[in-house]
Structure formats: C-alpha cells, structure tokens
Amino acid sequence: RLYRKMFQVLNSQYTFSEMYLNCISQQMDQLKPFGDVPKKLTVEIK
C-alpha cells in the first residue's frame, strides 16, 4: 500500500488504473523501492 501510494504521489500528474497499480505491486520484489528494509523490518517486528 505504501509503495502504491508513494508511486501515485510522486507521479501525481498522471492517473493510474487499478490494473496498472496491481502490475506495479507485482514488480515490487524486483524493483525493491525500499531496498531490503521491508524484509529486515518484517523479521525484526515479527
């Protein structure tokens, strides 16, 4: 959700369909917009 929202905010001049945002979400593991933070934080919090 954070990645989607940041993508929309940083590209506010465009309007994205839900399908496009779903596609971006599916590529999050490859794009790693937050680096290793999600995995590390998840392990530590858990």
ModelCIF file with pLDDT and N, C-alpha, C, O atoms, coordinates in Angstrom:
data_MODEL
#
_entry.id   MODEL 
#
_entity.id                         1 
_entity.type                       polymer 
_entity.pdbx_number_of_molecules   1 
#
_entity_poly.entity_id                      1 
_entity_poly.type                           'polypeptide(L)' 
_entity_poly.nstd_linkage                   no 
_entity_poly.nstd_monomer                   no 
_entity_poly.pdbx_seq_one_letter_code       RLYRKMFQVLNSQYTFSEMYLNCISQQMDQLKPFGDVPKKLTVEIK 
_entity_poly.pdbx_seq_one_letter_code_can   RLYRKMFQVLNSQYTFSEMYLNCISQQMDQLKPFGDVPKKLTVEIK 
_entity_poly.pdbx_strand_id                 A 
#
loop_
_entity_poly_seq.entity_id 
_entity_poly_seq.num 
_entity_poly_seq.mon_id 
_entity_poly_seq.hetero 
1 1  ARG n 
1 2  LEU n 
1 3  TYR n 
1 4  ARG n 
1 5  LYS n 
1 6  MET n 
1 7  PHE n 
1 8  GLN n 
1 9  VAL n 
1 10 LEU n 
1 11 ASN n 
1 12 SER n 
1 13 GLN n 
1 14 TYR n 
1 15 THR n 
1 16 PHE n 
1 17 SER n 
1 18 GLU n 
1 19 MET n 
1 20 TYR n 
1 21 LEU n 
1 22 ASN n 
1 23 CYS n 
1 24 ILE n 
1 25 SER n 
1 26 GLN n 
1 27 GLN n 
1 28 MET n 
1 29 ASP n 
1 30 GLN n 
1 31 LEU n 
1 32 LYS n 
1 33 PRO n 
1 34 PHE n 
1 35 GLY n 
1 36 ASP n 
1 37 VAL n 
1 38 PRO n 
1 39 LYS n 
1 40 LYS n 
1 41 LEU n 
1 42 THR n 
1 43 VAL n 
1 44 GLU n 
1 45 ILE n 
1 46 LYS n 
#
_struct_asym.id          A 
_struct_asym.entity_id   1 
#
loop_
_ma_qa_metric.id 
_ma_qa_metric.mode 
_ma_qa_metric.name 
_ma_qa_metric.software_group_id 
_ma_qa_metric.type 
1 global pLDDT . pLDDT 
2 local  pLDDT . pLDDT 
#
_ma_qa_metric_global.metric_id      1 
_ma_qa_metric_global.metric_value   93.26 
_ma_qa_metric_global.model_id       1 
_ma_qa_metric_global.ordinal_id     1 
#
loop_
_ma_qa_metric_local.label_asym_id 
_ma_qa_metric_local.label_comp_id 
_ma_qa_metric_local.label_seq_id 
_ma_qa_metric_local.metric_id 
_ma_qa_metric_local.metric_value 
_ma_qa_metric_local.model_id 
_ma_qa_metric_local.ordinal_id 
A ARG 1  2 95.00 1 1  
A LEU 2  2 95.00 1 2  
A TYR 3  2 94.00 1 3  
A ARG 4  2 94.00 1 4  
A LYS 5  2 94.00 1 5  
A MET 6  2 92.00 1 6  
A PHE 7  2 93.00 1 7  
A GLN 8  2 93.00 1 8  
A VAL 9  2 91.00 1 9  
A LEU 10 2 91.00 1 10 
A ASN 11 2 94.00 1 11 
A SER 12 2 92.00 1 12 
A GLN 13 2 96.00 1 13 
A TYR 14 2 95.00 1 14 
A THR 15 2 94.00 1 15 
A PHE 16 2 95.00 1 16 
A SER 17 2 94.00 1 17 
A GLU 18 2 94.00 1 18 
A MET 19 2 95.00 1 19 
A TYR 20 2 95.00 1 20 
A LEU 21 2 93.00 1 21 
A ASN 22 2 93.00 1 22 
A CYS 23 2 93.00 1 23 
A ILE 24 2 91.00 1 24 
A SER 25 2 91.00 1 25 
A GLN 26 2 91.00 1 26 
A GLN 27 2 91.00 1 27 
A MET 28 2 89.00 1 28 
A ASP 29 2 86.00 1 29 
A GLN 30 2 90.00 1 30 
A LEU 31 2 88.00 1 31 
A LYS 32 2 91.00 1 32 
A PRO 33 2 91.00 1 33 
A PHE 34 2 92.00 1 34 
A GLY 35 2 93.00 1 35 
A ASP 36 2 94.00 1 36 
A VAL 37 2 95.00 1 37 
A PRO 38 2 95.00 1 38 
A LYS 39 2 94.00 1 39 
A LYS 40 2 96.00 1 40 
A LEU 41 2 95.00 1 41 
A THR 42 2 96.00 1 42 
A VAL 43 2 97.00 1 43 
A GLU 44 2 97.00 1 44 
A ILE 45 2 96.00 1 45 
A LYS 46 2 96.00 1 46 
#
loop_
_atom_site.group_PDB 
_atom_site.id 
_atom_site.type_symbol 
_atom_site.label_atom_id 
_atom_site.label_alt_id 
_atom_site.label_comp_id 
_atom_site.label_asym_id 
_atom_site.label_entity_id 
_atom_site.label_seq_id 
_atom_site.pdbx_PDB_ins_code 
_atom_site.Cartn_x 
_atom_site.Cartn_y 
_atom_site.Cartn_z 
_atom_site.occupancy 
_atom_site.B_iso_or_equiv 
_atom_site.pdbx_formal_charge 
_atom_site.auth_seq_id 
_atom_site.auth_comp_id 
_atom_site.auth_asym_id 
_atom_site.auth_atom_id 
_atom_site.pdbx_PDB_model_num 
ATOM 1   N N  . ARG A 1 1  ? 0.833  -1.213  0.000   1.00 95.00 ? 1  ARG A N  1 
ATOM 2   C CA . ARG A 1 1  ? 0.000  0.000   0.000   1.00 95.00 ? 1  ARG A CA 1 
ATOM 3   C C  . ARG A 1 1  ? 0.863  1.256   0.000   1.00 95.00 ? 1  ARG A C  1 
ATOM 4   O O  . ARG A 1 1  ? 0.567  2.226   -0.698  1.00 95.00 ? 1  ARG A O  1 
ATOM 5   N N  . LEU A 1 2  ? 1.934  1.226   0.793   1.00 95.00 ? 2  LEU A N  1 
ATOM 6   C CA . LEU A 1 2  ? 2.822  2.383   0.867   1.00 95.00 ? 2  LEU A CA 1 
ATOM 7   C C  . LEU A 1 2  ? 3.477  2.640   -0.489  1.00 95.00 ? 2  LEU A C  1 
ATOM 8   O O  . LEU A 1 2  ? 3.556  3.782   -0.941  1.00 95.00 ? 2  LEU A O  1 
ATOM 9   N N  . TYR A 1 3  ? 3.940  1.580   -1.128  1.00 94.00 ? 3  TYR A N  1 
ATOM 10  C CA . TYR A 1 3  ? 4.582  1.730   -2.438  1.00 94.00 ? 3  TYR A CA 1 
ATOM 11  C C  . TYR A 1 3  ? 3.603  2.300   -3.470  1.00 94.00 ? 3  TYR A C  1 
ATOM 12  O O  . TYR A 1 3  ? 3.942  3.210   -4.225  1.00 94.00 ? 3  TYR A O  1 
ATOM 13  N N  . ARG A 1 4  ? 2.400  1.757   -3.489  1.00 94.00 ? 4  ARG A N  1 
ATOM 14  C CA . ARG A 1 4  ? 1.380  2.252   -4.429  1.00 94.00 ? 4  ARG A CA 1 
ATOM 15  C C  . ARG A 1 4  ? 1.111  3.737   -4.195  1.00 94.00 ? 4  ARG A C  1 
ATOM 16  O O  . ARG A 1 4  ? 1.074  4.539   -5.129  1.00 94.00 ? 4  ARG A O  1 
ATOM 17  N N  . LYS A 1 5  ? 0.925  4.076   -2.916  1.00 94.00 ? 5  LYS A N  1 
ATOM 18  C CA . LYS A 1 5  ? 0.603  5.468   -2.587  1.00 94.00 ? 5  LYS A CA 1 
ATOM 19  C C  . LYS A 1 5  ? 1.769  6.392   -2.940  1.00 94.00 ? 5  LYS A C  1 
ATOM 20  O O  . LYS A 1 5  ? 1.554  7.475   -3.483  1.00 94.00 ? 5  LYS A O  1 
ATOM 21  N N  . MET A 1 6  ? 2.990  5.978   -2.639  1.00 92.00 ? 6  MET A N  1 
ATOM 22  C CA . MET A 1 6  ? 4.152  6.801   -2.971  1.00 92.00 ? 6  MET A CA 1 
ATOM 23  C C  . MET A 1 6  ? 4.284  6.962   -4.487  1.00 92.00 ? 6  MET A C  1 
ATOM 24  O O  . MET A 1 6  ? 4.613  8.041   -4.980  1.00 92.00 ? 6  MET A O  1 
ATOM 25  N N  . PHE A 1 7  ? 4.024  5.884   -5.213  1.00 93.00 ? 7  PHE A N  1 
ATOM 26  C CA . PHE A 1 7  ? 4.091  5.941   -6.669  1.00 93.00 ? 7  PHE A CA 1 
ATOM 27  C C  . PHE A 1 7  ? 3.081  6.956   -7.206  1.00 93.00 ? 7  PHE A C  1 
ATOM 28  O O  . PHE A 1 7  ? 3.388  7.754   -8.091  1.00 93.00 ? 7  PHE A O  1 
ATOM 29  N N  . GLN A 1 8  ? 1.877  6.906   -6.652  1.00 93.00 ? 8  GLN A N  1 
ATOM 30  C CA . GLN A 1 8  ? 0.842  7.842   -7.095  1.00 93.00 ? 8  GLN A CA 1 
ATOM 31  C C  . GLN A 1 8  ? 1.196  9.284   -6.725  1.00 93.00 ? 8  GLN A C  1 
ATOM 32  O O  . GLN A 1 8  ? 1.005  10.196  -7.529  1.00 93.00 ? 8  GLN A O  1 
ATOM 33  N N  . VAL A 1 9  ? 1.706  9.489   -5.523  1.00 91.00 ? 9  VAL A N  1 
ATOM 34  C CA . VAL A 1 9  ? 2.048  10.842  -5.071  1.00 91.00 ? 9  VAL A CA 1 
ATOM 35  C C  . VAL A 1 9  ? 3.214  11.407  -5.876  1.00 91.00 ? 9  VAL A C  1 
ATOM 36  O O  . VAL A 1 9  ? 3.189  12.570  -6.277  1.00 91.00 ? 9  VAL A O  1 
ATOM 37  N N  . LEU A 1 10 ? 4.220  10.595  -6.109  1.00 91.00 ? 10 LEU A N  1 
ATOM 38  C CA . LEU A 1 10 ? 5.392  11.066  -6.850  1.00 91.00 ? 10 LEU A CA 1 
ATOM 39  C C  . LEU A 1 10 ? 5.110  11.288  -8.335  1.00 91.00 ? 10 LEU A C  1 
ATOM 40  O O  . LEU A 1 10 ? 5.837  12.002  -9.026  1.00 91.00 ? 10 LEU A O  1 
ATOM 41  N N  . ASN A 1 11 ? 4.042  10.658  -8.803  1.00 94.00 ? 11 ASN A N  1 
ATOM 42  C CA . ASN A 1 11 ? 3.642  10.816  -10.209 1.00 94.00 ? 11 ASN A CA 1 
ATOM 43  C C  . ASN A 1 11 ? 2.232  11.401  -10.283 1.00 94.00 ? 11 ASN A C  1 
ATOM 44  O O  . ASN A 1 11 ? 1.399  10.949  -11.069 1.00 94.00 ? 11 ASN A O  1 
ATOM 45  N N  . SER A 1 12 ? 1.984  12.396  -9.466  1.00 92.00 ? 12 SER A N  1 
ATOM 46  C CA . SER A 1 12 ? 0.624  12.938  -9.332  1.00 92.00 ? 12 SER A CA 1 
ATOM 47  C C  . SER A 1 12 ? 0.091  13.587  -10.611 1.00 92.00 ? 12 SER A C  1 
ATOM 48  O O  . SER A 1 12 ? -1.108 13.839  -10.731 1.00 92.00 ? 12 SER A O  1 
ATOM 49  N N  . GLN A 1 13 ? 0.958  13.847  -11.536 1.00 96.00 ? 13 GLN A N  1 
ATOM 50  C CA . GLN A 1 13 ? 0.498  14.437  -12.797 1.00 96.00 ? 13 GLN A CA 1 
ATOM 51  C C  . GLN A 1 13 ? -0.234 13.408  -13.663 1.00 96.00 ? 13 GLN A C  1 
ATOM 52  O O  . GLN A 1 13 ? -0.879 13.773  -14.647 1.00 96.00 ? 13 GLN A O  1 
ATOM 53  N N  . TYR A 1 14 ? -0.135 12.118  -13.300 1.00 95.00 ? 14 TYR A N  1 
ATOM 54  C CA . TYR A 1 14 ? -0.783 11.041  -14.059 1.00 95.00 ? 14 TYR A CA 1 
ATOM 55  C C  . TYR A 1 14 ? -1.877 10.387  -13.227 1.00 95.00 ? 14 TYR A C  1 
ATOM 56  O O  . TYR A 1 14 ? -1.886 10.470  -11.999 1.00 95.00 ? 14 TYR A O  1 
ATOM 57  N N  . THR A 1 15 ? -2.783 9.747   -13.917 1.00 94.00 ? 15 THR A N  1 
ATOM 58  C CA . THR A 1 15 ? -3.819 8.954   -13.266 1.00 94.00 ? 15 THR A CA 1 
ATOM 59  C C  . THR A 1 15 ? -3.584 7.502   -13.659 1.00 94.00 ? 15 THR A C  1 
ATOM 60  O O  . THR A 1 15 ? -3.430 7.186   -14.838 1.00 94.00 ? 15 THR A O  1 
ATOM 61  N N  . PHE A 1 16 ? -3.557 6.633   -12.672 1.00 95.00 ? 16 PHE A N  1 
ATOM 62  C CA . PHE A 1 16 ? -3.259 5.222   -12.929 1.00 95.00 ? 16 PHE A CA 1 
ATOM 63  C C  . PHE A 1 16 ? -4.474 4.364   -12.642 1.00 95.00 ? 16 PHE A C  1 
ATOM 64  O O  . PHE A 1 16 ? -5.194 4.584   -11.669 1.00 95.00 ? 16 PHE A O  1 
ATOM 65  N N  . SER A 1 17 ? -4.688 3.389   -13.499 1.00 94.00 ? 17 SER A N  1 
ATOM 66  C CA . SER A 1 17 ? -5.786 2.448   -13.281 1.00 94.00 ? 17 SER A CA 1 
ATOM 67  C C  . SER A 1 17 ? -5.378 1.455   -12.192 1.00 94.00 ? 17 SER A C  1 
ATOM 68  O O  . SER A 1 17 ? -4.195 1.304   -11.886 1.00 94.00 ? 17 SER A O  1 
ATOM 69  N N  . GLU A 1 18 ? -6.355 0.795   -11.626 1.00 94.00 ? 18 GLU A N  1 
ATOM 70  C CA . GLU A 1 18 ? -6.090 -0.216  -10.596 1.00 94.00 ? 18 GLU A CA 1 
ATOM 71  C C  . GLU A 1 18 ? -5.257 -1.357  -11.175 1.00 94.00 ? 18 GLU A C  1 
ATOM 72  O O  . GLU A 1 18 ? -4.405 -1.925  -10.492 1.00 94.00 ? 18 GLU A O  1 
ATOM 73  N N  . MET A 1 19 ? -5.510 -1.682  -12.432 1.00 95.00 ? 19 MET A N  1 
ATOM 74  C CA . MET A 1 19 ? -4.749 -2.747  -13.090 1.00 95.00 ? 19 MET A CA 1 
ATOM 75  C C  . MET A 1 19 ? -3.263 -2.359  -13.190 1.00 95.00 ? 19 MET A C  1 
ATOM 76  O O  . MET A 1 19 ? -2.384 -3.190  -12.961 1.00 95.00 ? 19 MET A O  1 
ATOM 77  N N  . TYR A 1 20 ? -3.002 -1.130  -13.525 1.00 95.00 ? 20 TYR A N  1 
ATOM 78  C CA . TYR A 1 20 ? -1.625 -0.646  -13.626 1.00 95.00 ? 20 TYR A CA 1 
ATOM 79  C C  . TYR A 1 20 ? -0.949 -0.693  -12.250 1.00 95.00 ? 20 TYR A C  1 
ATOM 80  O O  . TYR A 1 20 ? 0.199  -1.122  -12.133 1.00 95.00 ? 20 TYR A O  1 
ATOM 81  N N  . LEU A 1 21 ? -1.663 -0.252  -11.216 1.00 93.00 ? 21 LEU A N  1 
ATOM 82  C CA . LEU A 1 21 ? -1.107 -0.268  -9.856  1.00 93.00 ? 21 LEU A CA 1 
ATOM 83  C C  . LEU A 1 21 ? -0.877 -1.709  -9.371  1.00 93.00 ? 21 LEU A C  1 
ATOM 84  O O  . LEU A 1 21 ? 0.092  -1.978  -8.660  1.00 93.00 ? 21 LEU A O  1 
ATOM 85  N N  . ASN A 1 22 ? -1.751 -2.611  -9.749  1.00 93.00 ? 22 ASN A N  1 
ATOM 86  C CA . ASN A 1 22 ? -1.544 -4.025  -9.412  1.00 93.00 ? 22 ASN A CA 1 
ATOM 87  C C  . ASN A 1 22 ? -0.280 -4.563  -10.077 1.00 93.00 ? 22 ASN A C  1 
ATOM 88  O O  . ASN A 1 22 ? 0.483  -5.313  -9.470  1.00 93.00 ? 22 ASN A O  1 
ATOM 89  N N  . CYS A 1 23 ? -0.076 -4.177  -11.305 1.00 93.00 ? 23 CYS A N  1 
ATOM 90  C CA . CYS A 1 23 ? 1.120  -4.604  -12.038 1.00 93.00 ? 23 CYS A CA 1 
ATOM 91  C C  . CYS A 1 23 ? 2.371  -4.077  -11.348 1.00 93.00 ? 23 CYS A C  1 
ATOM 92  O O  . CYS A 1 23 ? 3.353  -4.805  -11.203 1.00 93.00 ? 23 CYS A O  1 
ATOM 93  N N  . ILE A 1 24 ? 2.343  -2.830  -10.927 1.00 91.00 ? 24 ILE A N  1 
ATOM 94  C CA . ILE A 1 24 ? 3.481  -2.244  -10.209 1.00 91.00 ? 24 ILE A CA 1 
ATOM 95  C C  . ILE A 1 24 ? 3.728  -2.992  -8.907  1.00 91.00 ? 24 ILE A C  1 
ATOM 96  O O  . ILE A 1 24 ? 4.873  -3.274  -8.553  1.00 91.00 ? 24 ILE A O  1 
ATOM 97  N N  . SER A 1 25 ? 2.669  -3.307  -8.205  1.00 91.00 ? 25 SER A N  1 
ATOM 98  C CA . SER A 1 25 ? 2.803  -4.044  -6.940  1.00 91.00 ? 25 SER A CA 1 
ATOM 99  C C  . SER A 1 25 ? 3.446  -5.405  -7.152  1.00 91.00 ? 25 SER A C  1 
ATOM 100 O O  . SER A 1 25 ? 4.265  -5.849  -6.348  1.00 91.00 ? 25 SER A O  1 
ATOM 101 N N  . GLN A 1 26 ? 3.071  -6.056  -8.234  1.00 91.00 ? 26 GLN A N  1 
ATOM 102 C CA . GLN A 1 26 ? 3.634  -7.378  -8.520  1.00 91.00 ? 26 GLN A CA 1 
ATOM 103 C C  . GLN A 1 26 ? 5.124  -7.304  -8.837  1.00 91.00 ? 26 GLN A C  1 
ATOM 104 O O  . GLN A 1 26 ? 5.842  -8.292  -8.683  1.00 91.00 ? 26 GLN A O  1 
ATOM 105 N N  . GLN A 1 27 ? 5.586  -6.150  -9.272  1.00 91.00 ? 27 GLN A N  1 
ATOM 106 C CA . GLN A 1 27 ? 7.004  -5.977  -9.612  1.00 91.00 ? 27 GLN A CA 1 
ATOM 107 C C  . GLN A 1 27 ? 7.828  -5.434  -8.433  1.00 91.00 ? 27 GLN A C  1 
ATOM 108 O O  . GLN A 1 27 ? 9.028  -5.193  -8.568  1.00 91.00 ? 27 GLN A O  1 
ATOM 109 N N  . MET A 1 28 ? 7.185  -5.250  -7.303  1.00 89.00 ? 28 MET A N  1 
ATOM 110 C CA . MET A 1 28 ? 7.861  -4.638  -6.162  1.00 89.00 ? 28 MET A CA 1 
ATOM 111 C C  . MET A 1 28 ? 9.070  -5.446  -5.699  1.00 89.00 ? 28 MET A C  1 
ATOM 112 O O  . MET A 1 28 ? 10.089 -4.865  -5.326  1.00 89.00 ? 28 MET A O  1 
ATOM 113 N N  . ASP A 1 29 ? 8.976  -6.773  -5.716  1.00 86.00 ? 29 ASP A N  1 
ATOM 114 C CA . ASP A 1 29 ? 10.113 -7.606  -5.299  1.00 86.00 ? 29 ASP A CA 1 
ATOM 115 C C  . ASP A 1 29 ? 11.324 -7.404  -6.203  1.00 86.00 ? 29 ASP A C  1 
ATOM 116 O O  . ASP A 1 29 ? 12.463 -7.447  -5.739  1.00 86.00 ? 29 ASP A O  1 
ATOM 117 N N  . GLN A 1 30 ? 11.082 -7.188  -7.473  1.00 90.00 ? 30 GLN A N  1 
ATOM 118 C CA . GLN A 1 30 ? 12.192 -6.970  -8.410  1.00 90.00 ? 30 GLN A CA 1 
ATOM 119 C C  . GLN A 1 30 ? 12.709 -5.534  -8.362  1.00 90.00 ? 30 GLN A C  1 
ATOM 120 O O  . GLN A 1 30 ? 13.913 -5.297  -8.456  1.00 90.00 ? 30 GLN A O  1 
ATOM 121 N N  . LEU A 1 31 ? 11.793 -4.581  -8.217  1.00 88.00 ? 31 LEU A N  1 
ATOM 122 C CA . LEU A 1 31 ? 12.185 -3.176  -8.207  1.00 88.00 ? 31 LEU A CA 1 
ATOM 123 C C  . LEU A 1 31 ? 12.833 -2.755  -6.880  1.00 88.00 ? 31 LEU A C  1 
ATOM 124 O O  . LEU A 1 31 ? 13.703 -1.884  -6.849  1.00 88.00 ? 31 LEU A O  1 
ATOM 125 N N  . LYS A 1 32 ? 12.396 -3.383  -5.799  1.00 91.00 ? 32 LYS A N  1 
ATOM 126 C CA . LYS A 1 32 ? 12.896 -3.089  -4.447  1.00 91.00 ? 32 LYS A CA 1 
ATOM 127 C C  . LYS A 1 32 ? 12.966 -1.588  -4.163  1.00 91.00 ? 32 LYS A C  1 
ATOM 128 O O  . LYS A 1 32 ? 14.046 -1.046  -3.931  1.00 91.00 ? 32 LYS A O  1 
ATOM 129 N N  . PRO A 1 33 ? 11.814 -0.922  -4.184  1.00 91.00 ? 33 PRO A N  1 
ATOM 130 C CA . PRO A 1 33 ? 11.827 0.527   -3.961  1.00 91.00 ? 33 PRO A CA 1 
ATOM 131 C C  . PRO A 1 33 ? 12.305 0.921   -2.563  1.00 91.00 ? 33 PRO A C  1 
ATOM 132 O O  . PRO A 1 33 ? 12.774 2.042   -2.362  1.00 91.00 ? 33 PRO A O  1 
ATOM 133 N N  . PHE A 1 34 ? 12.189 0.010   -1.601  1.00 92.00 ? 34 PHE A N  1 
ATOM 134 C CA . PHE A 1 34 ? 12.624 0.289   -0.231  1.00 92.00 ? 34 PHE A CA 1 
ATOM 135 C C  . PHE A 1 34 ? 13.885 -0.491  0.123   1.00 92.00 ? 34 PHE A C  1 
ATOM 136 O O  . PHE A 1 34 ? 14.274 -0.553  1.289   1.00 92.00 ? 34 PHE A O  1 
ATOM 137 N N  . GLY A 1 35 ? 14.519 -1.082  -0.875  1.00 93.00 ? 35 GLY A N  1 
ATOM 138 C CA . GLY A 1 35 ? 15.701 -1.905  -0.616  1.00 93.00 ? 35 GLY A CA 1 
ATOM 139 C C  . GLY A 1 35 ? 15.322 -3.152  0.167   1.00 93.00 ? 35 GLY A C  1 
ATOM 140 O O  . GLY A 1 35 ? 14.293 -3.773  -0.099  1.00 93.00 ? 35 GLY A O  1 
ATOM 141 N N  . ASP A 1 36 ? 16.166 -3.516  1.141   1.00 94.00 ? 36 ASP A N  1 
ATOM 142 C CA . ASP A 1 36 ? 15.897 -4.691  1.980   1.00 94.00 ? 36 ASP A CA 1 
ATOM 143 C C  . ASP A 1 36 ? 15.115 -4.349  3.242   1.00 94.00 ? 36 ASP A C  1 
ATOM 144 O O  . ASP A 1 36 ? 14.872 -5.221  4.076   1.00 94.00 ? 36 ASP A O  1 
ATOM 145 N N  . VAL A 1 37 ? 14.722 -3.095  3.389   1.00 95.00 ? 37 VAL A N  1 
ATOM 146 C CA . VAL A 1 37 ? 14.043 -2.644  4.603   1.00 95.00 ? 37 VAL A CA 1 
ATOM 147 C C  . VAL A 1 37 ? 12.782 -3.464  4.904   1.00 95.00 ? 37 VAL A C  1 
ATOM 148 O O  . VAL A 1 37 ? 12.608 -3.882  6.049   1.00 95.00 ? 37 VAL A O  1 
ATOM 149 N N  . PRO A 1 38 ? 11.893 -3.713  3.929   1.00 95.00 ? 38 PRO A N  1 
ATOM 150 C CA . PRO A 1 38 ? 10.690 -4.486  4.262   1.00 95.00 ? 38 PRO A CA 1 
ATOM 151 C C  . PRO A 1 38 ? 10.995 -5.869  4.855   1.00 95.00 ? 38 PRO A C  1 
ATOM 152 O O  . PRO A 1 38 ? 10.375 -6.275  5.838   1.00 95.00 ? 38 PRO A O  1 
ATOM 153 N N  . LYS A 1 39 ? 11.948 -6.586  4.258   1.00 94.00 ? 39 LYS A N  1 
ATOM 154 C CA . LYS A 1 39 ? 12.269 -7.920  4.769   1.00 94.00 ? 39 LYS A CA 1 
ATOM 155 C C  . LYS A 1 39 ? 12.901 -7.849  6.151   1.00 94.00 ? 39 LYS A C  1 
ATOM 156 O O  . LYS A 1 39 ? 12.529 -8.601  7.051   1.00 94.00 ? 39 LYS A O  1 
ATOM 157 N N  . LYS A 1 40 ? 13.861 -6.939  6.315   1.00 96.00 ? 40 LYS A N  1 
ATOM 158 C CA . LYS A 1 40 ? 14.540 -6.797  7.605   1.00 96.00 ? 40 LYS A CA 1 
ATOM 159 C C  . LYS A 1 40 ? 13.571 -6.349  8.691   1.00 96.00 ? 40 LYS A C  1 
ATOM 160 O O  . LYS A 1 40 ? 13.573 -6.896  9.794   1.00 96.00 ? 40 LYS A O  1 
ATOM 161 N N  . LEU A 1 41 ? 12.747 -5.360  8.381   1.00 95.00 ? 41 LEU A N  1 
ATOM 162 C CA . LEU A 1 41 ? 11.794 -4.850  9.351   1.00 95.00 ? 41 LEU A CA 1 
ATOM 163 C C  . LEU A 1 41 ? 10.756 -5.913  9.718   1.00 95.00 ? 41 LEU A C  1 
ATOM 164 O O  . LEU A 1 41 ? 10.388 -6.058  10.884  1.00 95.00 ? 41 LEU A O  1 
ATOM 165 N N  . THR A 1 42 ? 10.296 -6.645  8.723   1.00 96.00 ? 42 THR A N  1 
ATOM 166 C CA . THR A 1 42 ? 9.327  -7.713  8.982   1.00 96.00 ? 42 THR A CA 1 
ATOM 167 C C  . THR A 1 42 ? 9.910  -8.761  9.914   1.00 96.00 ? 42 THR A C  1 
ATOM 168 O O  . THR A 1 42 ? 9.245  -9.186  10.859  1.00 96.00 ? 42 THR A O  1 
ATOM 169 N N  . VAL A 1 43 ? 11.136 -9.182  9.663   1.00 97.00 ? 43 VAL A N  1 
ATOM 170 C CA . VAL A 1 43 ? 11.777 -10.182 10.521  1.00 97.00 ? 43 VAL A CA 1 
ATOM 171 C C  . VAL A 1 43 ? 11.911 -9.658  11.946  1.00 97.00 ? 43 VAL A C  1 
ATOM 172 O O  . VAL A 1 43 ? 11.603 -10.372 12.901  1.00 97.00 ? 43 VAL A O  1 
ATOM 173 N N  . GLU A 1 44 ? 12.366 -8.418  12.096  1.00 97.00 ? 44 GLU A N  1 
ATOM 174 C CA . GLU A 1 44 ? 12.573 -7.847  13.431  1.00 97.00 ? 44 GLU A CA 1 
ATOM 175 C C  . GLU A 1 44 ? 11.264 -7.642  14.180  1.00 97.00 ? 44 GLU A C  1 
ATOM 176 O O  . GLU A 1 44 ? 11.163 -7.975  15.361  1.00 97.00 ? 44 GLU A O  1 
ATOM 177 N N  . ILE A 1 45 ? 10.269 -7.100  13.503  1.00 96.00 ? 45 ILE A N  1 
ATOM 178 C CA . ILE A 1 45 ? 8.970  -6.879  14.154  1.00 96.00 ? 45 ILE A CA 1 
ATOM 179 C C  . ILE A 1 45 ? 8.348  -8.210  14.539  1.00 96.00 ? 45 ILE A C  1 
ATOM 180 O O  . ILE A 1 45 ? 7.840  -8.367  15.649  1.00 96.00 ? 45 ILE A O  1 
ATOM 181 N N  . LYS A 1 46 ? 8.389  -9.160  13.630  1.00 96.00 ? 46 LYS A N  1 
ATOM 182 C CA . LYS A 1 46 ? 7.793  -10.465 13.918  1.00 96.00 ? 46 LYS A CA 1 
ATOM 183 C C  . LYS A 1 46 ? 8.502  -11.119 15.105  1.00 96.00 ? 46 LYS A C  1 
ATOM 184 O O  . LYS A 1 46 ? 8.144  -12.227 15.504  1.00 96.00 ? 46 LYS A O  1 
#
